[in-house]
N, C-alpha and C. Protein backbone atom coordinates (compact mmCIF):
# COMPACT_ATOMS: atom_id res chain seq x y z
N MET A 1 0.79 -1.12 0.00
CA MET A 1 -0.12 -0.04 0.13
C MET A 1 0.85 1.33 -0.06
N LYS A 2 0.62 2.13 -0.72
CA LYS A 2 1.20 3.43 -0.73
C LYS A 2 1.17 4.22 0.51
N LYS A 3 2.01 5.14 0.79
CA LYS A 3 2.09 5.93 1.92
C LYS A 3 1.00 6.71 1.91
N SER A 4 0.87 7.27 0.82
CA SER A 4 -0.39 8.45 0.77
C SER A 4 -1.86 7.72 1.26
N THR A 5 -1.71 6.71 0.62
CA THR A 5 -2.98 5.99 0.73
C THR A 5 -3.28 5.70 2.64
N ILE A 6 -2.57 5.19 3.12
CA ILE A 6 -2.25 4.89 4.52
C ILE A 6 -2.54 6.39 5.38
N ILE A 7 -1.72 7.50 4.83
CA ILE A 7 -2.13 8.72 5.66
C ILE A 7 -3.49 9.02 5.46
N GLY A 8 -3.97 8.87 4.27
CA GLY A 8 -5.23 9.20 3.91
C GLY A 8 -6.47 8.62 4.69
N ILE A 9 -6.24 7.39 5.05
CA ILE A 9 -7.36 6.35 5.64
C ILE A 9 -7.05 6.85 7.20
N ILE A 10 -5.76 7.51 7.64
CA ILE A 10 -5.78 7.60 8.98
C ILE A 10 -6.57 8.76 9.35
N VAL A 11 -6.15 9.85 8.35
CA VAL A 11 -6.75 11.13 8.31
C VAL A 11 -8.20 10.68 8.52
N VAL A 12 -9.06 10.09 7.71
CA VAL A 12 -10.52 9.77 7.45
C VAL A 12 -10.86 9.30 8.82
N ILE A 13 -9.99 7.92 9.35
CA ILE A 13 -10.67 7.80 10.89
C ILE A 13 -10.42 8.75 11.83
N VAL A 14 -9.23 9.69 11.78
CA VAL A 14 -9.40 10.45 12.96
C VAL A 14 -10.45 11.57 12.78
N LEU A 15 -10.85 12.19 11.52
CA LEU A 15 -12.04 12.63 10.96
C LEU A 15 -13.03 12.46 11.54
N LEU A 16 -13.53 11.26 11.45
CA LEU A 16 -14.67 10.47 11.67
C LEU A 16 -14.92 10.24 13.43
N THR A 17 -13.66 10.18 14.07
CA THR A 17 -13.79 10.35 15.49
C THR A 17 -14.05 11.73 16.04
N VAL A 18 -13.11 12.61 15.56
CA VAL A 18 -13.38 13.82 16.26
C VAL A 18 -14.24 15.00 15.92
N ILE A 19 -15.02 14.88 14.92
CA ILE A 19 -15.89 15.59 14.32
C ILE A 19 -17.30 15.28 15.21
N PRO A 20 -17.90 13.98 15.41
CA PRO A 20 -18.83 13.94 16.13
C PRO A 20 -18.55 14.73 17.61
N LEU A 21 -17.50 14.34 18.15
CA LEU A 21 -17.28 14.76 19.34
C LEU A 21 -17.23 16.37 19.63
N ILE A 22 -16.83 16.91 18.49
CA ILE A 22 -16.59 18.55 18.61
C ILE A 22 -17.91 18.95 18.30
N SER A 23 -18.67 18.65 17.41
CA SER A 23 -20.02 19.01 16.56
C SER A 23 -20.95 18.71 17.90
N LEU A 24 -20.89 17.88 18.70
CA LEU A 24 -21.96 17.61 19.76
C LEU A 24 -21.69 18.29 21.08
N GLY A 25 -20.19 18.59 21.20
CA GLY A 25 -19.81 19.29 22.54
C GLY A 25 -20.20 18.47 23.63
N GLY A 26 -20.86 19.28 24.75
CA GLY A 26 -20.99 18.93 26.19
C GLY A 26 -22.27 17.97 25.88
N LYS A 27 -23.11 18.02 25.04
CA LYS A 27 -24.44 17.33 24.86
C LYS A 27 -24.26 15.93 24.63
N ALA A 28 -23.53 15.61 24.20
CA ALA A 28 -23.09 14.08 24.06
C ALA A 28 -23.33 13.05 25.03
N GLU A 29 -24.38 12.21 24.79
CA GLU A 29 -24.55 11.02 25.62
C GLU A 29 -24.24 9.66 24.91
N PHE A 30 -23.14 9.00 24.91
CA PHE A 30 -23.04 7.90 24.50
C PHE A 30 -23.55 6.87 25.25
N GLY A 31 -24.74 6.58 25.29
CA GLY A 31 -25.41 5.50 26.11
C GLY A 31 -25.53 4.41 25.39
N GLY A 32 -25.63 3.05 25.69
CA GLY A 32 -25.51 1.68 25.11
C GLY A 32 -26.98 1.29 24.93
N ALA A 33 -27.05 0.39 23.92
CA ALA A 33 -28.68 -0.35 23.51
C ALA A 33 -29.14 -0.84 24.83
N ASP A 34 -28.53 -1.23 25.95
CA ASP A 34 -28.95 -1.86 26.91
C ASP A 34 -30.00 -1.11 27.79
N GLY A 35 -29.21 0.31 28.14
CA GLY A 35 -30.18 1.19 28.87
C GLY A 35 -31.18 1.68 28.00
N GLU A 36 -31.33 1.79 26.74
CA GLU A 36 -32.32 2.32 25.89
C GLU A 36 -33.39 1.03 25.69
N ALA A 37 -33.23 -0.09 25.67
CA ALA A 37 -33.95 -1.23 25.62
C ALA A 37 -34.77 -1.51 27.02
N GLU A 38 -34.00 -0.93 28.18
CA GLU A 38 -34.75 -0.95 29.48
C GLU A 38 -35.80 0.35 29.60
N ASN A 39 -35.26 1.07 29.26
CA ASN A 39 -36.36 2.32 29.01
C ASN A 39 -37.43 2.00 28.28
N VAL A 40 -37.33 1.48 27.25
CA VAL A 40 -38.65 0.88 26.36
C VAL A 40 -39.52 0.00 27.06
N ILE A 41 -38.98 -0.72 27.57
CA ILE A 41 -39.62 -2.25 28.43
C ILE A 41 -40.35 -1.34 29.60
N GLY A 42 -39.89 -0.38 30.17
CA GLY A 42 -40.27 0.18 31.34
C GLY A 42 -41.32 1.03 31.11
N GLU A 43 -41.53 1.46 29.60
CA GLU A 43 -42.58 2.15 29.02
C GLU A 43 -43.75 1.38 28.49
N ILE A 44 -43.42 0.32 28.21
CA ILE A 44 -44.23 -0.60 27.80
C ILE A 44 -44.85 -1.23 28.89
N ASN A 45 -44.39 -2.07 29.59
CA ASN A 45 -44.48 -2.68 30.97
C ASN A 45 -44.20 -2.17 32.14
N PRO A 46 -44.90 -1.13 32.84
CA PRO A 46 -43.73 -0.59 34.02
C PRO A 46 -43.80 -1.66 35.25
N ASP A 47 -44.42 -2.73 35.21
CA ASP A 47 -44.63 -3.67 36.32
C ASP A 47 -43.48 -4.93 35.89
N TYR A 48 -42.90 -4.71 34.85
CA TYR A 48 -41.92 -5.96 34.16
C TYR A 48 -40.76 -6.28 35.60
N GLU A 49 -40.68 -7.14 35.65
CA GLU A 49 -39.60 -7.78 36.49
C GLU A 49 -38.63 -8.59 36.03
N PRO A 50 -37.12 -8.37 35.68
CA PRO A 50 -36.36 -9.28 34.85
C PRO A 50 -36.27 -10.83 35.55
N TRP A 51 -36.42 -11.57 34.96
CA TRP A 51 -36.21 -12.92 35.34
C TRP A 51 -35.19 -13.48 35.55
N ALA A 52 -34.03 -12.88 35.02
CA ALA A 52 -32.41 -13.37 35.40
C ALA A 52 -31.63 -12.13 36.02
N ASP A 53 -30.54 -12.69 36.78
CA ASP A 53 -29.69 -11.30 37.19
C ASP A 53 -28.15 -11.57 36.55
N PRO A 54 -27.69 -10.39 36.55
CA PRO A 54 -26.33 -10.62 35.95
C PRO A 54 -25.27 -11.41 36.78
N VAL A 55 -24.37 -12.20 36.03
CA VAL A 55 -23.59 -13.31 36.81
C VAL A 55 -22.51 -12.26 37.41
N MET A 56 -22.07 -11.41 37.05
CA MET A 56 -21.28 -10.41 37.61
C MET A 56 -21.47 -9.09 37.38
N GLU A 57 -21.47 -8.05 38.24
CA GLU A 57 -21.58 -6.70 38.16
C GLU A 57 -20.12 -6.02 38.47
N PRO A 58 -19.59 -5.37 37.01
CA PRO A 58 -18.23 -4.66 37.24
C PRO A 58 -18.50 -3.70 38.30
N ALA A 59 -17.10 -3.45 39.05
CA ALA A 59 -17.27 -2.32 39.86
C ALA A 59 -17.56 -0.83 39.40
N SER A 60 -16.99 -0.74 38.12
CA SER A 60 -17.35 0.66 37.62
C SER A 60 -17.65 0.38 36.29
N GLY A 61 -17.98 1.67 35.57
CA GLY A 61 -18.15 1.95 34.08
C GLY A 61 -16.74 1.51 33.17
N GLU A 62 -15.40 1.96 33.91
CA GLU A 62 -14.19 1.75 33.13
C GLU A 62 -13.83 0.03 33.02
N ILE A 63 -14.38 -0.72 34.19
CA ILE A 63 -14.12 -1.91 33.88
C ILE A 63 -15.29 -2.70 33.01
N GLU A 64 -16.23 -2.15 33.05
CA GLU A 64 -17.33 -2.71 32.11
C GLU A 64 -16.77 -2.28 30.58
N SER A 65 -16.32 -1.41 30.22
CA SER A 65 -15.57 -0.86 29.12
C SER A 65 -14.41 -1.89 28.66
N LEU A 66 -13.50 -2.05 29.74
CA LEU A 66 -12.34 -2.78 29.56
C LEU A 66 -12.89 -4.29 29.11
N LEU A 67 -13.67 -4.76 29.80
CA LEU A 67 -14.20 -6.13 29.49
C LEU A 67 -14.74 -6.15 28.16
N PHE A 68 -15.77 -5.27 27.78
CA PHE A 68 -16.27 -5.17 26.52
C PHE A 68 -15.29 -5.28 25.30
N ALA A 69 -14.03 -4.40 25.79
CA ALA A 69 -13.28 -4.23 24.66
C ALA A 69 -12.29 -5.43 24.61
N LEU A 70 -12.23 -6.21 25.66
CA LEU A 70 -11.26 -7.33 25.71
C LEU A 70 -11.96 -8.49 24.81
N GLN A 71 -13.61 -8.54 25.24
CA GLN A 71 -14.25 -9.57 24.51
C GLN A 71 -14.01 -9.33 22.90
N ALA A 72 -14.32 -7.78 22.85
CA ALA A 72 -14.15 -7.72 21.34
C ALA A 72 -12.79 -8.21 20.56
N ALA A 73 -11.66 -7.68 21.20
CA ALA A 73 -10.29 -8.30 20.69
C ALA A 73 -10.10 -9.83 20.76
N ILE A 74 -10.72 -10.35 21.60
CA ILE A 74 -10.94 -11.95 21.52
C ILE A 74 -11.51 -12.54 20.58
N GLY A 75 -12.63 -11.80 20.09
CA GLY A 75 -13.42 -12.34 19.29
C GLY A 75 -12.73 -11.93 17.72
N ALA A 76 -11.93 -10.70 17.58
CA ALA A 76 -11.31 -10.44 16.19
C ALA A 76 -10.28 -11.27 16.06
N GLY A 77 -9.38 -11.81 17.11
CA GLY A 77 -8.35 -12.58 17.24
C GLY A 77 -8.86 -13.80 16.51
N VAL A 78 -9.94 -14.44 17.12
CA VAL A 78 -10.55 -15.99 16.69
C VAL A 78 -10.82 -15.70 15.44
N ILE A 79 -11.49 -14.79 14.82
CA ILE A 79 -11.85 -14.59 13.49
C ILE A 79 -10.81 -14.30 12.55
N GLY A 80 -9.79 -13.54 12.97
CA GLY A 80 -8.27 -13.29 11.94
C GLY A 80 -7.72 -14.66 12.02
N TYR A 81 -7.56 -15.37 13.06
CA TYR A 81 -7.05 -16.76 13.07
C TYR A 81 -7.77 -17.68 11.98
N PHE A 82 -9.03 -17.77 12.01
CA PHE A 82 -9.68 -18.62 10.86
C PHE A 82 -9.61 -18.25 9.74
N ILE A 83 -9.47 -16.86 9.45
CA ILE A 83 -9.33 -16.38 8.17
C ILE A 83 -7.88 -16.67 7.52
N GLY A 84 -6.90 -16.25 8.35
CA GLY A 84 -5.44 -16.62 8.05
C GLY A 84 -5.27 -18.10 7.62
N ARG A 85 -5.81 -18.89 8.71
CA ARG A 85 -5.72 -20.45 8.58
C ARG A 85 -6.41 -20.91 7.28
N THR A 86 -7.33 -20.28 6.87
CA THR A 86 -8.19 -20.80 5.50
C THR A 86 -7.40 -20.42 4.42
N LYS A 87 -6.70 -19.07 4.52
CA LYS A 87 -6.02 -18.64 3.51
C LYS A 87 -4.76 -19.40 3.12
N ARG A 88 -4.06 -19.71 4.41
CA ARG A 88 -2.91 -20.37 4.41
C ARG A 88 -2.99 -21.58 3.75
N ARG A 89 -4.20 -22.37 3.98
CA ARG A 89 -4.48 -23.72 3.47
C ARG A 89 -4.86 -23.62 1.93
N SER A 90 -5.54 -22.73 1.58
CA SER A 90 -5.76 -22.41 0.07
C SER A 90 -4.44 -22.29 -0.75
N GLU A 91 -3.66 -21.37 -0.22
CA GLU A 91 -2.21 -21.11 -0.81
C GLU A 91 -1.57 -22.42 -0.82
N SER A 92 -1.51 -23.33 0.33
CA SER A 92 -0.50 -24.39 0.34
C SER A 92 -1.33 -25.62 -0.95
N GLU A 93 -2.76 -25.55 -0.99
CA GLU A 93 -3.18 -26.48 -1.96
C GLU A 93 -2.81 -26.13 -3.36
N LYS A 94 -2.95 -24.78 -3.63
CA LYS A 94 -2.24 -24.28 -4.78
C LYS A 94 -0.82 -24.67 -5.32
N THR A 95 0.00 -24.53 -4.12
CA THR A 95 1.24 -24.81 -4.48
C THR A 95 1.44 -26.27 -4.60
N ASN A 96 1.07 -27.20 -3.97
CA ASN A 96 0.82 -28.61 -4.02
C ASN A 96 0.24 -29.30 -5.41
N GLU A 97 -0.52 -28.32 -6.08
CA GLU A 97 -1.21 -28.73 -7.27
C GLU A 97 -0.10 -28.82 -8.29
N ASN A 98 0.78 -27.50 -8.45
CA ASN A 98 1.99 -27.31 -9.27
C ASN A 98 2.89 -28.05 -9.26
């Protein structure tokens, strides 16, 4: 990949990250889908009682974010492993045919 292409990709990523933060200022609330779902369920049925409790409650929001990021990294690693393995296997089969 050319150096200018890599720089262009990095600039786009930075802009996609910074522009929403600047344009929304202090008004931005980046809540998750879980909180939104809880609000909607409360509106539909105010007497609803959850039938399951969390296995573990993180001590803080930072730890919750860390666990979420760790989960995403492990998932990306597993997916990357299988993609690489499949690619390596197909390349190996091509070289064995020749």
